[in-house]
Amino acid sequence: MSTEISKTRKIAGWVIAGLLTALYLYSASGKLFLHPEQMEQMKLGDWRIIIALGEIVSALLFLLPKTNRYGTLLLSSYMGGAIIIHMTGGMSIMMPSLVLILIWVVFYLRTPDFFKMK
């Protein structure tokens, strides 16, 4: 049984998904080109390319409707790691937590059937 998604819900899902994807692509470009020294400060300098590529792939999987589920799981894992890094580094976990919540809000908006009991 498929639930029809309202036009407003589709638009909201696409807008927020697009903004989150843009955020992740900007973050990955920062790791690759703009501010690699920040990764050094967090003792992740050797991993910055792998982390950035994982971020790009996960964000693109999240944006595309057919692979949204995989992107949601990958970005949730990524944000869990970001929260841990922020906690161990004495930084605020507010931003990564908010982004994680938005990821799941978008997933709910775009795939409401996933949360229905069968």
Protein backbone atom coordinates (compact mmCIF):
# COMPACT_ATOMS: atom_id res chain seq x y z
CA MET A 1 0.00 0.00 0.00
CA SER A 2 1.60 3.24 -1.13
CA THR A 3 0.88 6.57 0.50
CA GLU A 4 0.65 9.57 -1.81
CA ILE A 5 2.88 12.42 -0.62
CA SER A 6 1.44 15.93 -0.74
CA LYS A 7 3.03 18.53 -3.00
CA THR A 8 4.02 20.71 -0.02
CA ARG A 9 5.69 17.76 1.66
CA LYS A 10 7.60 16.88 -1.53
CA ILE A 11 8.80 20.45 -1.95
CA ALA A 12 9.85 20.73 1.70
CA GLY A 13 11.70 17.41 1.46
CA TRP A 14 13.54 18.44 -1.70
CA VAL A 15 14.45 21.89 -0.38
CA ILE A 16 15.85 20.62 2.91
CA ALA A 17 17.58 17.69 1.17
CA GLY A 18 19.15 20.10 -1.31
CA LEU A 19 20.35 22.39 1.47
CA LEU A 20 21.82 19.47 3.43
CA THR A 21 23.53 18.13 0.31
CA ALA A 22 25.00 21.58 -0.36
CA LEU A 23 26.22 21.71 3.25
CA TYR A 24 27.93 18.33 2.91
CA LEU A 25 29.50 19.20 -0.44
CA TYR A 26 30.83 22.46 1.01
CA SER A 27 32.14 20.61 4.06
CA ALA A 28 33.87 18.02 1.86
CA SER A 29 35.44 20.73 -0.30
CA GLY A 30 36.76 22.35 2.87
CA LYS A 31 38.38 19.08 3.91
CA LEU A 32 39.90 18.62 0.48
CA PHE A 33 40.92 22.15 -0.52
CA LEU A 34 40.03 25.01 1.82
CA HIS A 35 40.94 24.12 5.41
CA PRO A 36 42.82 20.82 5.65
CA GLU A 37 44.58 22.11 8.77
CA GLN A 38 41.34 21.73 10.74
CA MET A 39 41.49 17.98 10.16
CA GLU A 40 45.08 18.00 11.44
CA GLN A 41 43.94 19.71 14.65
CA MET A 42 41.40 16.91 15.22
CA LYS A 43 44.10 14.28 14.54
CA LEU A 44 42.28 13.19 11.36
CA GLY A 45 44.66 14.63 8.78
CA ASP A 46 45.62 11.23 7.37
CA TRP A 47 41.93 10.41 6.84
CA ARG A 48 40.69 13.70 5.39
CA ILE A 49 40.49 12.53 1.76
CA ILE A 50 38.64 9.33 2.65
CA ILE A 51 36.30 11.24 4.96
CA ALA A 52 35.60 13.89 2.30
CA LEU A 53 34.92 11.29 -0.41
CA GLY A 54 32.62 9.38 1.93
CA GLU A 55 30.82 12.62 2.70
CA ILE A 56 30.32 13.37 -1.01
CA VAL A 57 29.06 9.87 -1.86
CA SER A 58 26.74 9.78 1.15
CA ALA A 59 25.30 13.22 0.37
CA LEU A 60 24.60 12.27 -3.25
CA LEU A 61 22.98 8.98 -2.21
CA PHE A 62 20.86 10.97 0.25
CA LEU A 63 19.72 13.43 -2.41
CA LEU A 64 18.57 10.85 -4.96
CA PRO A 65 15.11 9.39 -4.20
CA LYS A 66 15.99 5.77 -5.10
CA THR A 67 19.03 5.70 -2.81
CA ASN A 68 17.70 7.99 -0.07
CA ARG A 69 17.55 5.14 2.46
CA TYR A 70 21.22 4.29 2.02
CA GLY A 71 22.24 7.93 2.13
CA THR A 72 20.23 8.45 5.30
CA LEU A 73 21.96 5.53 7.02
CA LEU A 74 25.41 6.60 5.86
CA LEU A 75 24.91 10.26 6.86
CA SER A 76 23.49 9.17 10.22
CA SER A 77 26.63 7.14 10.85
CA TYR A 78 28.80 10.03 9.69
CA MET A 79 27.01 12.47 12.00
CA GLY A 80 27.32 10.01 14.89
CA GLY A 81 31.07 10.08 14.34
CA ALA A 82 31.03 13.87 14.12
CA ILE A 83 29.17 14.08 17.43
CA ILE A 84 31.75 11.83 19.09
CA ILE A 85 34.64 13.91 17.67
CA HIS A 86 32.97 17.08 18.93
CA MET A 87 32.41 15.55 22.38
CA THR A 88 35.98 14.33 22.75
CA GLY A 89 37.35 17.65 21.46
CA GLY A 90 35.31 19.70 23.92
CA MET A 91 33.27 21.34 21.14
CA SER A 92 29.53 21.91 21.06
CA ILE A 93 27.47 19.03 19.70
CA MET A 94 24.56 21.32 18.83
CA MET A 95 25.28 21.69 15.09
CA PRO A 96 25.97 18.01 14.27
CA SER A 97 22.93 17.01 16.34
CA LEU A 98 20.70 19.47 14.50
CA VAL A 99 21.97 18.23 11.13
CA LEU A 100 21.31 14.62 12.21
CA ILE A 101 17.75 15.52 13.17
CA LEU A 102 17.24 17.27 9.82
CA ILE A 103 18.48 14.18 7.97
CA TRP A 104 15.78 12.09 9.61
CA VAL A 105 13.12 14.78 9.10
CA VAL A 106 13.89 14.75 5.38
CA PHE A 107 13.80 10.97 5.32
CA TYR A 108 10.37 11.04 7.00
CA LEU A 109 9.09 13.68 4.59
CA ARG A 110 10.29 11.80 1.52
CA THR A 111 9.53 8.19 2.55
CA PRO A 112 6.56 8.12 4.95
CA ASP A 113 5.83 4.46 4.09
CA PHE A 114 9.02 3.43 5.88
CA PHE A 115 7.53 4.36 9.26
CA LYS A 116 4.13 2.66 8.81
CA MET A 117 3.40 -0.53 10.71
CA LYS A 118 2.41 -3.39 8.44
